[in-house]
């Protein structure tokens, strides 16, 4: 029988320093995703896809994509075969994590596009190392500058297909202190699109 990495991931979920919800898997969708990605459950990504609809981490702040769930797309939803880009997670502020090669032929690493600077950053971690870090506690430090008092209840109150829009936005000087800006839930796809459009207009993309 093919070895799965899910046991190790499950142990990390159980030991995580913040809440982690494993969304139920849909076997048919999971199989379709694994086929499209041409991977097996012996990889961490394959194990997440096969065994979950996604992982909801730290009061809903981070949503790691798996085989898909109501309100959350599967990990193949925005797969770009041309550059090898695969969106593997979103955060509640409209940030994106993509797994892609830094250059053609290179080993893929996870990159982050965040609302605080509208730029892609290579985290220089493979998918397994990145997910291990996020489940082990790295979310807290990673998002230290994007949080405000009471963010936990606010993040937990929005649906999986929603994010939190801030005005002025975090990439402006006036929007750096998220405790004093205007915040409201909007569709996550719209929030991500707005960030990307501003990045294009400002010449960051």
Protein backbone atom coordinates (compact mmCIF):
# COMPACT_ATOMS: atom_id res chain seq x y z
CA UNK A 1 0.00 0.00 0.00
CA UNK A 2 1.28 3.46 -0.89
CA UNK A 3 2.66 5.37 2.11
CA UNK A 4 0.89 8.62 2.87
CA UNK A 5 2.38 11.63 4.65
CA UNK A 6 -0.99 12.35 6.22
CA UNK A 7 -0.10 10.77 9.56
CA UNK A 8 2.72 13.29 10.07
CA UNK A 9 0.49 16.18 8.97
CA UNK A 10 -2.28 15.02 11.31
CA UNK A 11 0.16 14.94 14.22
CA UNK A 12 1.18 18.54 13.48
CA UNK A 13 -2.48 19.57 13.27
CA UNK A 14 -3.16 18.02 16.67
CA UNK A 15 -0.13 19.73 18.24
CA UNK A 16 -0.57 23.16 16.58
CA UNK A 17 -0.42 26.15 18.95
CA UNK A 18 -3.59 27.59 17.42
CA UNK A 19 -6.85 26.07 16.11
CA UNK A 20 -6.60 24.06 12.88
CA UNK A 21 -9.74 22.71 11.22
CA UNK A 22 -9.44 19.88 8.71
CA UNK A 23 -12.26 20.28 6.20
CA UNK A 24 -13.86 17.00 5.04
CA UNK A 25 -12.44 15.47 1.89
CA UNK A 26 -14.46 14.67 -1.22
CA UNK A 27 -12.86 11.48 -2.63
CA UNK A 28 -13.93 12.14 -6.23
CA UNK A 29 -12.64 15.72 -6.24
CA UNK A 30 -9.45 14.62 -4.50
CA UNK A 31 -8.77 11.94 -7.09
CA UNK A 32 -9.35 14.43 -9.91
CA UNK A 33 -6.92 16.88 -8.29
CA UNK A 34 -4.21 14.27 -7.80
CA UNK A 35 -4.58 13.23 -11.43
CA UNK A 36 -4.39 16.83 -12.66
CA UNK A 37 -1.31 17.52 -10.53
CA UNK A 38 0.30 14.17 -11.41
CA UNK A 39 1.28 13.59 -7.77
CA UNK A 40 0.67 10.88 -5.17
CA UNK A 41 -0.17 10.92 -1.47
CA UNK A 42 3.51 10.25 -0.73
CA UNK A 43 4.01 14.01 -1.09
CA UNK A 44 2.73 16.48 1.49
CA UNK A 45 0.65 18.29 -1.12
CA UNK A 46 -0.84 15.01 -2.30
CA UNK A 47 -1.65 13.99 1.26
CA UNK A 48 -3.44 17.29 1.94
CA UNK A 49 -5.43 16.99 -1.29
CA UNK A 50 -6.41 13.36 -0.70
CA UNK A 51 -7.33 13.70 2.95
CA UNK A 52 -8.90 17.13 3.28
CA UNK A 53 -11.03 19.73 1.55
CA UNK A 54 -8.47 22.18 2.95
CA UNK A 55 -6.95 23.27 6.25
CA UNK A 56 -8.30 26.32 8.10
CA UNK A 57 -5.54 27.61 10.37
CA UNK A 58 -5.51 30.08 13.28
CA UNK A 59 -9.15 31.17 13.61
CA UNK A 60 -9.61 31.11 9.83
CA UNK A 61 -6.73 33.47 9.11
CA UNK A 62 -4.96 31.05 6.74
CA UNK A 63 -6.79 28.72 4.37
CA UNK A 64 -4.58 25.99 2.88
CA UNK A 65 -6.17 24.54 -0.26
CA UNK A 66 -6.77 20.81 -0.54
CA UNK A 67 -9.32 18.81 -2.50
CA UNK A 68 -11.94 21.57 -2.27
CA UNK A 69 -14.83 22.35 0.05
CA UNK A 70 -17.92 24.56 0.05
CA UNK A 71 -16.57 28.10 -0.21
CA UNK A 72 -12.98 27.01 -0.74
CA UNK A 73 -11.59 26.07 -4.18
CA UNK A 74 -9.47 23.00 -4.73
CA UNK A 75 -5.75 23.45 -5.22
CA UNK A 76 -5.97 23.06 -9.01
CA UNK A 77 -8.47 25.92 -9.41
CA UNK A 78 -5.87 28.45 -10.58
CA UNK A 79 -3.16 26.10 -11.77
CA UNK A 80 -1.01 27.80 -14.43
CA UNK A 81 0.76 25.19 -16.55
CA UNK A 82 2.72 27.88 -18.43
CA UNK A 83 4.83 29.03 -15.49
CA UNK A 84 4.16 26.14 -13.11
CA UNK A 85 2.37 28.40 -10.63
CA UNK A 86 0.03 26.70 -8.18
CA UNK A 87 -1.90 28.71 -5.59
CA UNK A 88 -1.74 26.62 -2.42
CA UNK A 89 -3.26 28.97 0.19
CA UNK A 90 -4.99 32.29 0.83
CA UNK A 91 -5.11 34.38 3.96
CA UNK A 92 -8.03 36.42 5.28
CA UNK A 93 -6.40 39.70 4.17
CA UNK A 94 -6.26 38.59 0.54
CA UNK A 95 -2.66 37.36 0.55
CA UNK A 96 -1.72 34.40 -1.64
CA UNK A 97 0.80 31.59 -1.35
CA UNK A 98 1.97 30.10 -4.64
CA UNK A 99 4.19 27.10 -5.23
CA UNK A 100 6.35 27.64 -8.31
CA UNK A 101 9.93 27.47 -9.57
CA UNK A 102 11.93 30.66 -8.95
CA UNK A 103 13.35 30.12 -12.44
CA UNK A 104 12.70 27.55 -15.19
CA UNK A 105 13.91 24.11 -14.20
CA UNK A 106 14.48 25.05 -10.56
CA UNK A 107 12.97 23.20 -7.59
CA UNK A 108 9.60 24.80 -6.78
CA UNK A 109 9.36 26.89 -3.61
CA UNK A 110 6.50 28.70 -1.92
CA UNK A 111 6.15 32.43 -2.69
CA UNK A 112 3.96 34.93 -0.85
CA UNK A 113 2.05 37.91 -2.26
CA UNK A 114 0.81 40.09 0.59
CA UNK A 115 -1.40 43.17 0.93
CA UNK A 116 1.23 45.09 2.88
CA UNK A 117 3.56 45.60 -0.10
CA UNK A 118 1.78 44.04 -3.13
CA UNK A 119 4.90 42.08 -4.14
CA UNK A 120 5.81 38.41 -4.50
CA UNK A 121 8.48 37.10 -2.12
CA UNK A 122 10.23 33.74 -2.42
CA UNK A 123 10.06 32.13 1.03
CA UNK A 124 12.72 29.65 -0.11
CA UNK A 125 10.81 26.72 1.37
CA UNK A 126 9.44 23.68 -0.39
CA UNK A 127 5.75 22.91 0.11
CA UNK A 128 6.33 20.38 2.92
CA UNK A 129 8.70 22.66 4.85
CA UNK A 130 6.33 25.61 4.44
CA UNK A 131 3.27 23.70 5.64
CA UNK A 132 5.24 22.21 8.53
CA UNK A 133 6.20 25.73 9.61
CA UNK A 134 2.65 27.07 9.31
CA UNK A 135 1.24 24.21 11.38
CA UNK A 136 4.04 24.43 13.95
CA UNK A 137 3.45 28.07 14.86
CA UNK A 138 5.04 30.25 12.17
CA UNK A 139 1.73 31.96 11.30
CA UNK A 140 1.97 34.13 14.42
CA UNK A 141 5.30 35.77 13.55
CA UNK A 142 4.67 35.79 9.80
CA UNK A 143 1.55 37.95 10.20
CA UNK A 144 2.65 40.03 13.18
CA UNK A 145 2.41 43.31 11.23
CA UNK A 146 -1.02 42.54 9.76
CA UNK A 147 -2.99 41.97 12.94
CA UNK A 148 -4.96 44.12 15.35
CA UNK A 149 -6.55 43.65 18.79
CA UNK A 150 -9.52 41.30 18.47
CA UNK A 151 -8.53 39.96 15.05
CA UNK A 152 -9.29 36.38 16.14
CA UNK A 153 -13.05 36.86 16.44
CA UNK A 154 -13.17 38.99 13.30
CA UNK A 155 -11.27 36.47 11.18
CA UNK A 156 -13.34 33.58 12.52
CA UNK A 157 -16.60 35.36 11.68
CA UNK A 158 -16.03 35.59 7.92
CA UNK A 159 -16.96 32.76 5.56
CA UNK A 160 -14.37 30.64 3.74
CA UNK A 161 -15.05 32.51 0.50
CA UNK A 162 -14.65 35.89 2.21
CA UNK A 163 -11.73 38.01 3.33
CA UNK A 164 -11.34 41.25 5.28
CA UNK A 165 -10.93 44.43 3.26
CA UNK A 166 -9.17 47.34 4.98
CA UNK A 167 -9.43 51.00 4.03
CA UNK A 168 -6.98 52.63 3.78
CA UNK A 169 -5.30 49.40 2.56
CA UNK A 170 -2.24 47.94 4.33
CA UNK A 171 0.16 48.91 1.54
CA UNK A 172 -0.46 52.62 2.14
CA UNK A 173 1.24 54.66 4.85
CA UNK A 174 -2.16 55.48 6.36
CA UNK A 175 -3.19 51.82 6.42
CA UNK A 176 -0.24 50.37 8.35
CA UNK A 177 -2.08 50.44 11.70
CA UNK A 178 -4.91 48.01 11.09
CA UNK A 179 -6.47 48.76 14.47
CA UNK A 180 -7.67 52.17 13.26
CA UNK A 181 -8.67 51.49 9.64
CA UNK A 182 -12.14 50.64 8.35
CA UNK A 183 -12.49 46.87 7.95
CA UNK A 184 -15.29 44.86 6.37
CA UNK A 185 -15.80 41.35 4.93
CA UNK A 186 -15.94 41.03 1.13
CA UNK A 187 -15.65 38.11 -1.29
CA UNK A 188 -12.13 36.73 -1.11
CA UNK A 189 -11.83 36.50 -4.90
CA UNK A 190 -12.71 40.19 -5.16
CA UNK A 191 -10.19 41.13 -2.46
CA UNK A 192 -7.40 39.18 -4.17
CA UNK A 193 -8.31 40.78 -7.51
CA UNK A 194 -8.23 44.29 -6.02
CA UNK A 195 -4.74 43.73 -4.59
CA UNK A 196 -3.47 42.43 -7.92
CA UNK A 197 -5.01 45.31 -9.85
CA UNK A 198 -3.38 47.89 -7.57
CA UNK A 199 -0.07 46.04 -7.92
CA UNK A 200 -0.35 46.23 -11.71
CA UNK A 201 -1.28 49.92 -11.65
CA UNK A 202 1.70 50.68 -9.43
CA UNK A 203 4.02 48.63 -11.67
CA UNK A 204 4.77 45.93 -9.08
CA UNK A 205 3.57 43.08 -11.32
